[in-house]
C-alpha atoms as a PDB file:
ATOM      1  CA  MET A   1     -84.395  -8.091  60.749  1.00  0.00           C
ATOM      2  CA  SER A   2     -87.451  -9.117  62.973  1.00  0.00           C
ATOM      3  CA  GLN A   3     -89.236  -5.965  62.284  1.00  0.00           C
ATOM      4  CA  VAL A   4     -89.089  -7.159  58.466  1.00  0.00           C
ATOM      5  CA  VAL A   5     -90.270 -10.341  58.758  1.00  0.00           C
ATOM      6  CA  THR A   6     -93.466  -8.951  61.102  1.00  0.00           C
ATOM      7  CA  PHE A   7     -94.156  -6.591  58.062  1.00  0.00           C
ATOM      8  CA  VAL A   8     -93.799  -9.227  55.365  1.00  0.00           C
ATOM      9  CA  VAL A   9     -96.204 -11.490  57.138  1.00  0.00           C
ATOM     10  CA  CYS A  10     -98.846  -9.136  58.167  1.00  0.00           C
ATOM     11  CA  TYR A  11     -98.577  -8.252  54.152  1.00  0.00           C
ATOM     12  CA  ALA A  12     -98.995 -11.759  53.022  1.00  0.00           C
ATOM     13  CA  ARG A  13    -102.238 -12.094  55.183  1.00  0.00           C
ATOM     14  CA  SER A  14    -103.710  -8.940  53.983  1.00  0.00           C
ATOM     15  CA  VAL A  15    -103.466  -9.956  50.356  1.00  0.00           C
ATOM     16  CA  ALA A  16    -104.239 -13.807  51.344  1.00  0.00           C
ATOM     17  CA  ALA A  17    -107.489 -12.365  53.277  1.00  0.00           C
ATOM     18  CA  SER A  18    -108.251  -9.783  50.107  1.00  0.00           C
ATOM     19  CA  SER A  19    -107.872 -12.787  47.591  1.00  0.00           C
ATOM     20  CA  SER A  20    -109.964 -14.964  49.835  1.00  0.00           C
ATOM     21  CA  ALA A  21    -112.904 -12.580  49.264  1.00  0.00           C
ATOM     22  CA  ARG A  22    -112.762 -11.731  45.714  1.00  0.00           C
ATOM     23  CA  THR A  23    -112.229 -15.636  44.845  1.00  0.00           C
ATOM     24  CA  GLN A  24    -115.488 -16.494  46.358  1.00  0.00           C
ATOM     25  CA  GLY A  25    -117.414 -16.636  43.413  1.00  0.00           C
ATOM     26  CA  PRO A  26    -118.207 -14.385  40.337  1.00  0.00           C
ATOM     27  CA  LEU A  27    -121.927 -13.186  41.799  1.00  0.00           C
ATOM     28  CA  VAL A  28    -120.489 -11.674  45.164  1.00  0.00           C
ATOM     29  CA  TRP A  29    -118.529  -9.212  43.469  1.00  0.00           C
ATOM     30  CA  ASN A  30    -119.325  -6.905  40.322  1.00  0.00           C
ATOM     31  CA  ARG A  31    -117.915  -4.112  38.338  1.00  0.00           C
ATOM     32  CA  LYS A  32    -120.167  -0.636  38.197  1.00  0.00           C
ATOM     33  CA  THR A  33    -118.888   1.524  35.300  1.00  0.00           C
ATOM     34  CA  ALA A  34    -120.053   5.255  36.341  1.00  0.00           C
ATOM     35  CA  ASP A  35    -118.085   8.248  35.003  1.00  0.00           C
ATOM     36  CA  GLY A  36    -115.273   5.978  33.531  1.00  0.00           C
ATOM     37  CA  GLY A  37    -114.428   4.364  36.791  1.00  0.00           C
ATOM     38  CA  GLY A  38    -113.856   1.234  37.991  1.00  0.00           C
ATOM     39  CA  ASP A  39    -114.676   0.515  41.394  1.00  0.00           C
ATOM     40  CA  TRP A  40    -115.316  -3.082  43.234  1.00  0.00           C
ATOM     41  CA  TYR A  41    -118.274  -3.290  45.477  1.00  0.00           C
ATOM     42  CA  ASP A  42    -120.281  -5.956  47.018  1.00  0.00           C
ATOM     43  CA  VAL A  43    -123.646  -6.127  45.706  1.00  0.00           C
ATOM     44  CA  GLU A  44    -125.287  -8.257  48.669  1.00  0.00           C
ATOM     45  CA  ALA A  45    -123.857  -5.392  51.114  1.00  0.00           C
ATOM     46  CA  GLY A  46    -125.991  -2.926  49.248  1.00  0.00           C
ATOM     47  CA  GLY A  47    -125.407  -2.721  45.697  1.00  0.00           C
ATOM     48  CA  SER A  48    -127.645  -1.161  42.738  1.00  0.00           C
ATOM     49  CA  GLU A  49    -130.980  -2.726  41.364  1.00  0.00           C
ATOM     50  CA  GLY A  50    -129.221  -2.830  37.884  1.00  0.00           C
ATOM     51  CA  ALA A  51    -126.444  -5.065  39.185  1.00  0.00           C
ATOM     52  CA  GLU A  52    -129.155  -7.462  40.748  1.00  0.00           C
ATOM     53  CA  ASN A  53    -130.821  -7.864  37.494  1.00  0.00           C
ATOM     54  CA  GLU A  54    -127.546  -8.200  35.753  1.00  0.00           C
ATOM     55  CA  ARG A  55    -126.518 -10.834  38.574  1.00  0.00           C
ATOM     56  CA  THR A  56    -129.639 -12.985  38.608  1.00  0.00           C
ATOM     57  CA  PRO A  57    -131.583 -11.787  35.579  1.00  0.00           C
ATOM     58  CA  LEU A  58    -134.070 -14.690  34.972  1.00  0.00           C
ATOM     59  CA  LEU A  59    -134.649 -15.043  38.942  1.00  0.00           C
ATOM     60  CA  LEU A  60    -135.430 -11.574  39.847  1.00  0.00           C
ATOM     61  CA  LEU A  61    -137.588 -10.734  37.098  1.00  0.00           C
ATOM     62  CA  SER A  62    -141.224 -11.362  38.297  1.00  0.00           C
ATOM     63  CA  GLY A  63    -144.219 -11.941  36.330  1.00  0.00           C
ATOM     64  CA  ARG A  64    -145.527  -8.450  36.351  1.00  0.00           C
ATOM     65  CA  GLY A  65    -142.426  -6.589  35.828  1.00  0.00           C
ATOM     66  CA  ARG A  66    -141.986  -9.376  32.609  1.00  0.00           C
ATOM     67  CA  ASN A  67    -145.076  -7.853  31.242  1.00  0.00           C
ATOM     68  CA  ALA A  68    -144.609  -4.401  31.857  1.00  0.00           C
ATOM     69  CA  GLN A  69    -141.198  -5.231  29.756  1.00  0.00           C
ATOM     70  CA  LEU A  70    -143.153  -6.536  27.040  1.00  0.00           C
ATOM     71  CA  SER A  71    -145.586  -3.751  27.253  1.00  0.00           C
ATOM     72  CA  GLU A  72    -143.046  -1.203  26.737  1.00  0.00           C
ATOM     73  CA  ARG A  73    -141.504  -3.058  23.960  1.00  0.00           C
ATOM     74  CA  HIS A  74    -144.797  -4.121  22.105  1.00  0.00           C
ATOM     75  CA  PRO A  75    -147.156  -1.497  22.783  1.00  0.00           C
ATOM     76  CA  VAL A  76    -149.447  -2.356  20.025  1.00  0.00           C
ATOM     77  CA  SER A  77    -149.479  -5.979  20.829  1.00  0.00           C
ATOM     78  CA  LYS A  78    -150.596  -5.145  24.143  1.00  0.00           C
ATOM     79  CA  GLN A  79    -153.477  -3.164  22.599  1.00  0.00           C
ATOM     80  CA  ARG A  80    -154.593  -6.009  20.555  1.00  0.00           C
ATOM     81  CA  ARG A  81    -155.006  -8.594  23.362  1.00  0.00           C
ATOM     82  CA  ASN A  82    -157.024  -6.309  25.043  1.00  0.00           C
ATOM     83  CA  GLN A  83    -159.218  -6.043  21.969  1.00  0.00           C
ATOM     84  CA  GLU A  84    -159.345  -9.747  21.373  1.00  0.00           C
ATOM     85  CA  PRO A  85    -161.979 -10.897  23.719  1.00  0.00           C
ATOM     86  CA  ASN A  86    -164.712  -8.326  22.696  1.00  0.00           C
ATOM     87  CA  LYS A  87    -164.250  -9.716  18.767  1.00  0.00           C
ATOM     88  CA  VAL A  88    -166.386 -12.136  17.283  1.00  0.00           C
ATOM     89  CA  HIS A  89    -164.534 -14.694  15.235  1.00  0.00           C
ATOM     90  CA  PRO A  90    -165.965 -14.214  11.259  1.00  0.00           C
ATOM     91  CA  VAL A  91    -166.313 -18.181  11.210  1.00  0.00           C
ATOM     92  CA  ALA A  92    -168.300 -18.164  14.526  1.00  0.00           C
ATOM     93  CA  LEU A  93    -170.497 -15.029  13.088  1.00  0.00           C
ATOM     94  CA  LEU A  94    -171.217 -17.007   9.820  1.00  0.00           C
ATOM     95  CA  LEU A  95    -172.032 -20.505  12.053  1.00  0.00           C
ATOM     96  CA  MET A  96    -174.686 -18.294  13.728  1.00  0.00           C
ATOM     97  CA  LEU A  97    -176.160 -16.565  10.734  1.00  0.00           C
ATOM     98  CA  ALA A  98    -176.531 -19.970   8.937  1.00  0.00           C
ATOM     99  CA  LEU A  99    -178.223 -21.462  12.277  1.00  0.00           C
ATOM    100  CA  LEU A 100    -180.348 -18.338  12.250  1.00  0.00           C
ATOM    101  CA  ALA A 101    -181.507 -18.994   8.465  1.00  0.00           C
ATOM    102  CA  ILE A 102    -182.025 -22.642   9.412  1.00  0.00           C
ATOM    103  CA  LEU A 103    -184.451 -21.848  12.197  1.00  0.00           C
ATOM    104  CA  MET A 104    -186.726 -19.484   9.958  1.00  0.00           C
ATOM    105  CA  LEU A 105    -186.787 -21.429   7.410  1.00  0.00           C
ATOM    106  CA  GLY A 106    -188.168 -24.496   9.801  1.00  0.00           C
ATOM    107  CA  ILE A 107    -190.790 -22.238  10.810  1.00  0.00           C
ATOM    108  CA  VAL A 108    -192.023 -21.207   7.491  1.00  0.00           C
ATOM    109  CA  ILE A 109    -192.219 -24.592   6.687  1.00  0.00           C
ATOM    110  CA  GLY A 110    -193.978 -25.333   9.507  1.00  0.00           C
ATOM    111  CA  ALA A 111    -196.447 -23.052   9.027  1.00  0.00           C
ATOM    112  CA  TYR A 112    -196.832 -23.738   5.808  1.00  0.00           C
ATOM    113  CA  LEU A 113    -197.668 -27.754   6.685  1.00  0.00           C
ATOM    114  CA  LEU A 114    -199.761 -26.474   9.182  1.00  0.00           C
ATOM    115  CA  VAL A 115    -201.993 -24.267   6.666  1.00  0.00           C
ATOM    116  CA  LEU A 116    -202.052 -27.410   4.691  1.00  0.00           C
ATOM    117  CA  GLN A 117    -203.474 -29.715   7.322  1.00  0.00           C
ATOM    118  CA  ILE A 118    -206.705 -27.065   7.555  1.00  0.00           C
ATOM    119  CA  ASP A 119    -209.185 -29.590   6.196  1.00  0.00           C
ATOM    120  CA  ARG A 120    -210.892 -27.408   3.886  1.00  0.00           C
ATOM    121  CA  PRO A 121    -214.637 -28.225   2.202  1.00  0.00           C
ATOM    122  CA  TRP A 122    -212.778 -27.572  -1.441  1.00  0.00           C
ATOM    123  CA  PRO A 123    -210.961 -25.646  -3.674  1.00  0.00           C
ATOM    124  CA  VAL A 124    -212.880 -22.475  -4.443  1.00  0.00           C
ATOM    125  CA  SER A 125    -212.499 -20.916  -7.913  1.00  0.00           C
ATOM    126  CA  HIS A 126    -215.656 -18.823  -7.140  1.00  0.00           C
ATOM    127  CA  PRO A 127    -215.054 -15.476  -5.429  1.00  0.00           C
ATOM    128  CA  PHE A 128    -216.633 -14.221  -1.970  1.00  0.00           C
ATOM    129  CA  PHE A 129    -218.738 -10.987  -2.425  1.00  0.00           C
ATOM    130  CA  LEU A 130    -219.861  -9.947   0.596  1.00  0.00           C
ATOM    131  CA  VAL A 131    -222.334  -6.989   0.910  1.00  0.00           C
ATOM    132  CA  GLU A 132    -222.003  -5.292   4.509  1.00  0.00           C
ATOM    133  CA  ARG A 133    -224.837  -4.284   6.964  1.00  0.00           C
ATOM    134  CA  PRO A 134    -224.468  -0.733   6.367  1.00  0.00           C
ATOM    135  CA  ALA A 135    -225.406  -0.986   2.658  1.00  0.00           C
ATOM    136  CA  TRP A 136    -228.922  -1.901   3.872  1.00  0.00           C
ATOM    137  CA  TRP A 137    -229.215  -1.036   7.730  1.00  0.00           C
ATOM    138  CA  TYR A 138    -231.218   2.271   8.120  1.00  0.00           C
ATOM    139  CA  HIS A 139    -231.912   2.358  11.991  1.00  0.00           C
ATOM    140  CA  SER A 140    -230.206   4.929  13.779  1.00  0.00           C
ATOM    141  CA  LYS A 141    -229.077   2.307  16.505  1.00  0.00           C
ATOM    142  CA  GLU A 142    -226.445  -0.362  15.854  1.00  0.00           C
ATOM    143  CA  LEU A 143    -227.259  -3.887  16.140  1.00  0.00           C
ATOM    144  CA  GLN A 144    -228.094  -5.195  19.710  1.00  0.00           C
ATOM    145  CA  THR A 145    -227.927  -8.647  20.351  1.00  0.00           C
ATOM    146  CA  ALA A 146    -226.306 -11.462  22.166  1.00  0.00           C
ATOM    147  CA  ALA A 147    -222.663 -12.017  21.034  1.00  0.00           C
ATOM    148  CA  LEU A 148    -221.258 -14.846  19.392  1.00  0.00           C
ATOM    149  CA  ASP A 149    -218.227 -16.991  20.339  1.00  0.00           C
ATOM    150  CA  ARG A 150    -216.284 -17.208  17.193  1.00  0.00           C
ATOM    151  CA  ALA A 151    -214.187 -19.725  18.261  1.00  0.00           C
ATOM    152  CA  ALA A 152    -216.806 -22.191  19.215  1.00  0.00           C
ATOM    153  CA  ILE A 153    -218.655 -22.073  16.015  1.00  0.00           C
ATOM    154  CA  LYS A 154    -218.879 -25.771  14.461  1.00  0.00           C
ATOM    155  CA  ASP A 155    -222.260 -25.924  12.880  1.00  0.00           C
ATOM    156  CA  VAL A 156    -223.758 -24.308   9.658  1.00  0.00           C
ATOM    157  CA  ILE A 157    -227.405 -24.916   9.471  1.00  0.00           C
ATOM    158  CA  VAL A 158    -228.501 -23.813   5.724  1.00  0.00           C
ATOM    159  CA  LEU A 159    -232.443 -23.382   5.201  1.00  0.00           C
ATOM    160  CA  HIS A 160    -234.098 -21.132   2.209  1.00  0.00           C
ATOM    161  CA  THR A 161    -236.332 -18.160   3.271  1.00  0.00           C
ATOM    162  CA  HIS A 162    -239.137 -19.994   1.424  1.00  0.00           C
ATOM    163  CA  THR A 163    -240.218 -16.791  -0.068  1.00  0.00           C
ATOM    164  CA  GLY A 164    -239.558 -15.226  -3.387  1.00  0.00           C
ATOM    165  CA  SER A 165    -236.051 -14.711  -5.121  1.00  0.00           C
ATOM    166  CA  CYS A 166    -233.924 -11.928  -5.795  1.00  0.00           C
ATOM    167  CA  PHE A 167    -231.641 -11.676  -8.613  1.00  0.00           C
ATOM    168  CA  GLY A 168    -230.271  -7.908  -8.065  1.00  0.00           C
ATOM    169  CA  GLU A 169    -228.445  -6.083  -5.472  1.00  0.00           C
ATOM    170  CA  GLN A 170    -231.208  -3.336  -4.924  1.00  0.00           C
ATOM    171  CA  GLU A 171    -233.649  -6.372  -5.041  1.00  0.00           C
ATOM    172  CA  CYS A 172    -231.977  -8.177  -2.133  1.00  0.00           C
ATOM    173  CA  LEU A 173    -231.167  -5.244  -0.151  1.00  0.00           C
ATOM    174  CA  ARG A 174    -235.192  -4.611  -0.017  1.00  0.00           C
ATOM    175  CA  PHE A 175    -235.485  -7.858   0.962  1.00  0.00           C
ATOM    176  CA  LEU A 176    -233.304  -7.445   3.853  1.00  0.00           C
ATOM    177  CA  GLN A 177    -235.101  -4.474   4.906  1.00  0.00           C
ATOM    178  CA  GLN A 178    -238.417  -6.199   4.452  1.00  0.00           C
ATOM    179  CA  THR A 179    -237.185  -8.839   6.461  1.00  0.00           C
ATOM    180  CA  GLU A 180    -236.149  -6.965   9.226  1.00  0.00           C
ATOM    181  CA  ASP A 181    -239.694  -4.961   9.455  1.00  0.00           C
ATOM    182  CA  ARG A 182    -241.295  -8.285   9.371  1.00  0.00           C
ATOM    183  CA  SER A 183    -239.239  -9.535  12.453  1.00  0.00           C
ATOM    184  CA  TRP A 184    -239.558  -6.440  14.281  1.00  0.00           C
ATOM    185  CA  ALA A 185    -243.369  -6.526  13.579  1.00  0.00           C
ATOM    186  CA  GLU A 186    -243.641 -10.486  14.384  1.00  0.00           C
ATOM    187  CA  ARG A 187    -241.119 -11.186  17.062  1.00  0.00           C
ATOM    188  CA  ASN A 188    -240.140  -7.841  18.293  1.00  0.00           C
ATOM    189  CA  ASP A 189    -236.617  -8.932  17.132  1.00  0.00           C
ATOM    190  CA  HIS A 190    -233.541  -8.096  14.667  1.00  0.00           C
ATOM    191  CA  ILE A 191    -233.399 -10.095  11.422  1.00  0.00           C
ATOM    192  CA  PRO A 192    -232.985 -13.736  12.658  1.00  0.00           C
ATOM    193  CA  TYR A 193    -230.338 -14.649  10.107  1.00  0.00           C
ATOM    194  CA  ASN A 194    -226.434 -14.728  10.420  1.00  0.00           C
ATOM    195  CA  PHE A 195    -226.054 -13.976   6.334  1.00  0.00           C
ATOM    196  CA  LEU A 196    -228.571 -14.328   3.550  1.00  0.00           C
ATOM    197  CA  ILE A 197    -227.210 -15.572  -0.006  1.00  0.00           C
ATOM    198  CA  GLY A 198    -229.015 -13.951  -3.140  1.00  0.00           C
ATOM    199  CA  GLY A 199    -229.771 -14.794  -6.438  1.00  0.00           C
ATOM    200  CA  ASP A 200    -227.102 -12.632  -7.893  1.00  0.00           C
ATOM    201  CA  GLY A 201    -224.448 -14.428  -6.103  1.00  0.00           C
ATOM    202  CA  ASN A 202    -223.702 -12.254  -3.250  1.00  0.00           C
ATOM    203  CA  THR A 203    -223.764 -12.863   0.334  1.00  0.00           C
ATOM    204  CA  TYR A 204    -225.589 -10.317   2.351  1.00  0.00           C
ATOM    205  CA  GLU A 205    -224.717  -9.499   6.464  1.00  0.00           C
ATOM    206  CA  ALA A 206    -227.533  -9.974   8.614  1.00  0.00           C
ATOM    207  CA  ARG A 207    -226.233 -10.558  12.418  1.00  0.00           C
ATOM    208  CA  GLY A 208    -222.809 -11.624  10.786  1.00  0.00           C
ATOM    209  CA  TRP A 209    -220.189 -13.377  12.258  1.00  0.00           C
ATOM    210  CA  LYS A 210    -220.209 -11.476  15.502  1.00  0.00           C
ATOM    211  CA  TYR A 211    -223.689 -12.137  16.964  1.00  0.00           C
ATOM    212  CA  GLN A 212    -225.972 -15.140  17.970  1.00  0.00           C
ATOM    213  CA  HIS A 213    -228.772 -15.947  15.770  1.00  0.00           C
ATOM    214  CA  GLY A 214    -232.404 -15.190  16.213  1.00  0.00           C
ATOM    215  CA  PHE A 215    -233.999 -18.383  15.542  1.00  0.00           C
ATOM    216  CA  HIS A 216    -235.582 -19.716  18.960  1.00  0.00           C
ATOM    217  CA  ASP A 217    -236.326 -23.461  17.760  1.00  0.00           C
ATOM    218  CA  LEU A 218    -232.946 -23.993  16.035  1.00  0.00           C
ATOM    219  CA  PRO A 219    -230.025 -25.289  18.764  1.00  0.00           C
ATOM    220  CA  GLY A 220    -226.426 -24.080  19.266  1.00  0.00           C
ATOM    221  CA  LYS A 221    -227.072 -20.169  19.490  1.00  0.00           C
ATOM    222  CA  ASN A 222    -223.430 -19.601  20.372  1.00  0.00           C
ATOM    223  CA  SER A 223    -222.123 -22.400  18.231  1.00  0.00           C
ATOM    224  CA  THR A 224    -223.978 -21.985  15.093  1.00  0.00           C
ATOM    225  CA  LEU A 225    -224.199 -20.139  11.738  1.00  0.00           C
ATOM    226  CA  VAL A 226    -227.357 -19.806  10.370  1.00  0.00           C
ATOM    227  CA  VAL A 227    -227.311 -19.025   6.496  1.00  0.00           C
ATOM    228  CA  GLY A 228    -230.581 -18.520   4.272  1.00  0.00           C
ATOM    229  CA  MET A 229    -230.880 -19.320   0.805  1.00  0.00           C
ATOM    230  CA  ILE A 230    -233.307 -16.450  -0.454  1.00  0.00           C
ATOM    231  CA  GLY A 231    -235.892 -18.152  -2.297  1.00  0.00           C
ATOM    232  CA  ASP A 232    -238.369 -21.343  -2.000  1.00  0.00           C
ATOM    233  CA  PHE A 233    -236.546 -24.237  -2.910  1.00  0.00           C
ATOM    234  CA  SER A 234    -238.547 -27.076  -1.804  1.00  0.00           C
ATOM    235  CA  GLN A 235    -239.254 -27.926  -5.322  1.00  0.00           C
ATOM    236  CA  ARG A 236    -236.653 -26.138  -7.631  1.00  0.00           C
ATOM    237  CA  HIS A 237    -232.470 -25.836  -6.878  1.00  0.00           C
ATOM    238  CA  PRO A 238    -230.770 -22.484  -6.075  1.00  0.00           C
ATOM    239  CA  THR A 239    -228.923 -21.143  -8.964  1.00  0.00           C
ATOM    240  CA  ASP A 240    -225.307 -21.916  -9.750  1.00  0.00           C
ATOM    241  CA  MET A 241    -224.008 -19.131  -8.247  1.00  0.00           C
ATOM    242  CA  GLN A 242    -225.830 -19.399  -4.885  1.00  0.00           C
ATOM    243  CA  TYR A 243    -224.204 -22.618  -4.604  1.00  0.00           C
ATOM    244  CA  ALA A 244    -220.953 -21.407  -5.587  1.00  0.00           C
ATOM    245  CA  GLU A 245    -221.062 -18.623  -3.222  1.00  0.00           C
ATOM    246  CA  LEU A 246    -222.114 -20.644  -0.368  1.00  0.00           C
ATOM    247  CA  LYS A 247    -218.919 -22.736  -0.451  1.00  0.00           C
ATOM    248  CA  ALA A 248    -216.994 -19.568  -0.840  1.00  0.00           C
ATOM    249  CA  PHE A 249    -218.967 -18.187   2.232  1.00  0.00           C
ATOM    250  CA  LEU A 250    -217.903 -21.782   4.018  1.00  0.00           C
ATOM    251  CA  THR A 251    -213.961 -21.190   3.163  1.00  0.00           C
ATOM    252  CA  GLU A 252    -214.172 -17.247   3.822  1.00  0.00           C
ATOM    253  CA  SER A 253    -215.671 -18.102   7.334  1.00  0.00           C
ATOM    254  CA  ILE A 254    -212.627 -20.394   7.815  1.00  0.00           C
ATOM    255  CA  ARG A 255    -210.124 -17.961   6.633  1.00  0.00           C
ATOM    256  CA  ARG A 256    -211.432 -15.261   9.470  1.00  0.00           C
ATOM    257  CA  LEU A 257    -211.282 -18.187  11.943  1.00  0.00           C
ATOM    258  CA  SER A 258    -214.873 -17.590  12.202  1.00  0.00           C
ATOM    259  CA  LEU A 259    -215.505 -21.487  11.647  1.00  0.00           C
ATOM    260  CA  SER A 260    -214.067 -24.615  12.737  1.00  0.00           C
ATOM    261  CA  PRO A 261    -212.201 -26.325   9.749  1.00  0.00           C
ATOM    262  CA  HIS A 262    -214.158 -29.234  11.118  1.00  0.00           C
ATOM    263  CA  TYR A 263    -217.808 -27.939  11.243  1.00  0.00           C
ATOM    264  CA  LYS A 264    -220.564 -29.801  10.303  1.00  0.00           C
ATOM    265  CA  LEU A 265    -222.793 -28.537   7.723  1.00  0.00           C
ATOM    266  CA  ARG A 266    -226.725 -29.104   8.482  1.00  0.00           C
ATOM    267  CA  GLY A 267    -230.505 -28.799   7.172  1.00  0.00           C
ATOM    268  CA  ILE A 268    -233.540 -28.536   9.123  1.00  0.00           C
ATOM    269  CA  VAL A 269    -236.476 -30.455   8.811  1.00  0.00           C
ATOM    270  CA  ASN A 270    -239.852 -29.299  10.057  1.00  0.00           C
ATOM    271  CA  GLY A 271    -241.744 -32.250  11.646  1.00  0.00           C
ATOM    272  CA  THR A 272    -245.212 -29.712  11.572  1.00  0.00           C
ATOM    273  CA  GLN A 273    -245.381 -28.335   8.199  1.00  0.00           C
ATOM    274  CA  PRO A 274    -243.032 -30.820   5.990  1.00  0.00           C
ATOM    275  CA  THR A 275    -243.929 -28.757   2.931  1.00  0.00           C
ATOM    276  CA  GLU A 276    -241.395 -25.893   3.993  1.00  0.00           C
ATOM    277  CA  ASP A 277    -238.513 -27.834   3.658  1.00  0.00           C
ATOM    278  CA  ALA A 278    -236.129 -27.447   1.331  1.00  0.00           C
ATOM    279  CA  THR A 279    -236.199 -30.714   0.006  1.00  0.00           C
ATOM    280  CA  THR A 280    -234.219 -29.944  -3.420  1.00  0.00           C
ATOM    281  CA  LEU A 281    -231.606 -27.890  -1.756  1.00  0.00           C
ATOM    282  CA  TYR A 282    -230.857 -30.656   0.494  1.00  0.00           C
ATOM    283  CA  HIS A 283    -230.337 -32.885  -2.410  1.00  0.00           C
ATOM    284  CA  GLN A 284    -227.611 -31.212  -3.268  1.00  0.00           C
ATOM    285  CA  LEU A 285    -226.007 -30.154  -0.217  1.00  0.00           C
ATOM    286  CA  GLN A 286    -226.332 -33.955   1.140  1.00  0.00           C
ATOM    287  CA  ARG A 287    -223.275 -34.505  -1.246  1.00  0.00           C
ATOM    288  CA  TRP A 288    -221.205 -31.690  -0.230  1.00  0.00           C
ATOM    289  CA  PRO A 289    -218.044 -32.721   2.356  1.00  0.00           C
ATOM    290  CA  HIS A 290    -219.114 -31.878   6.148  1.00  0.00           C
ATOM    291  CA  TRP A 291    -222.705 -32.853   5.633  1.00  0.00           C
ATOM    292  CA  GLY A 292    -224.034 -33.449   9.478  1.00  0.00           C
ATOM    293  CA  GLY A 293    -227.417 -34.619   8.624  1.00  0.00           C
ATOM    294  CA  LEU A 294    -231.167 -32.773   9.131  1.00  0.00           C
ATOM    295  CA  VAL A 295    -232.177 -30.912  12.417  1.00  0.00           C
ATOM    296  CA  PRO A 296    -235.933 -31.474  13.235  1.00  0.00           C
ATOM    297  CA  VAL A 297    -237.459 -28.483  14.670  1.00  0.00           C
END
C-alpha cells in the first residue's frame, strides 16, 4: 500500500512540473511541424531562426533585413529608387531654361542700349566708299612709319590740299601718287595724310587708321587723324559729295573702333600764310556736331 502511495505522489509531481513548464507562456514553447511531426521544443534553448521570427517578427526584423525583404518582393521599386537621384524633374528643367532665356534676353537688350548710347555724329544716308592703299601704291616696300594707337584717337583735323580738285577715281589715284612723290622729294617721307577725300565722293587711304600722320606742325600724332579734302577751298565750298563722304568717314571710323565717339572735329589756321586757310570749308564744318575749333600752326 505504501509503495502505491509513493508511486502516485511521484507521478503527480512529474505531471505538475511538466504542466508548469508548459504554462510559462506562449513564447517559450513553439510547435515545429517537420515531416508531419508534432514535437515540442524550447526555442530559447536553441530553436530555429524561423521560430524566432514567428515569435517576435517585429522586434527581431532589423532595418537591413526589412529592406532586403522589400527589395526581394519589389525589385522594380528598388531600381526606380536608385535611378531617381540622377533624374531632373521636368518642372525644374523648364524653370532653368526659362531663367537662361531671360538672361540671354537681358544681355541682348543691354548690348542694344549700349549701342544706342554711342554718340554718333548724325544719321548717314551716303554710303562709305573706301579706296585702299594698294590701288595706288606702286612702291615695292610696304608703308613703314610710326604706328597709331587706335584706342587713343579722339581728334580729327580736316584741311584742304590747296591744289586742284579731282572728280574721277583715276584722276584722284594719280593725285595720291604725285603727292607721295612730292613728299619724298621735299621731306624724304611718305604721304602725310591719313585719308584724302576726292570730288568723286570716294575716300582714299593714305596712311590709314594704322599709322600716325606725317605733319610735323600739327599736334597729337598719336591721337589725331588728318583728313585732306582734295582741292582749294579758301574761296569755294567742297562738293556735296565730299561733305557727305566726310560724314560717312567719321561714322565708319567710330564703327571700326578707330575713333572715339566723343571726338573733336578741328580745322587749322595758318598764322604766317592765312591765304592758304580753308576758310569756306570751315564755315560749313563749324555748324557740325563735335566741332572743336581751329588749331593754329
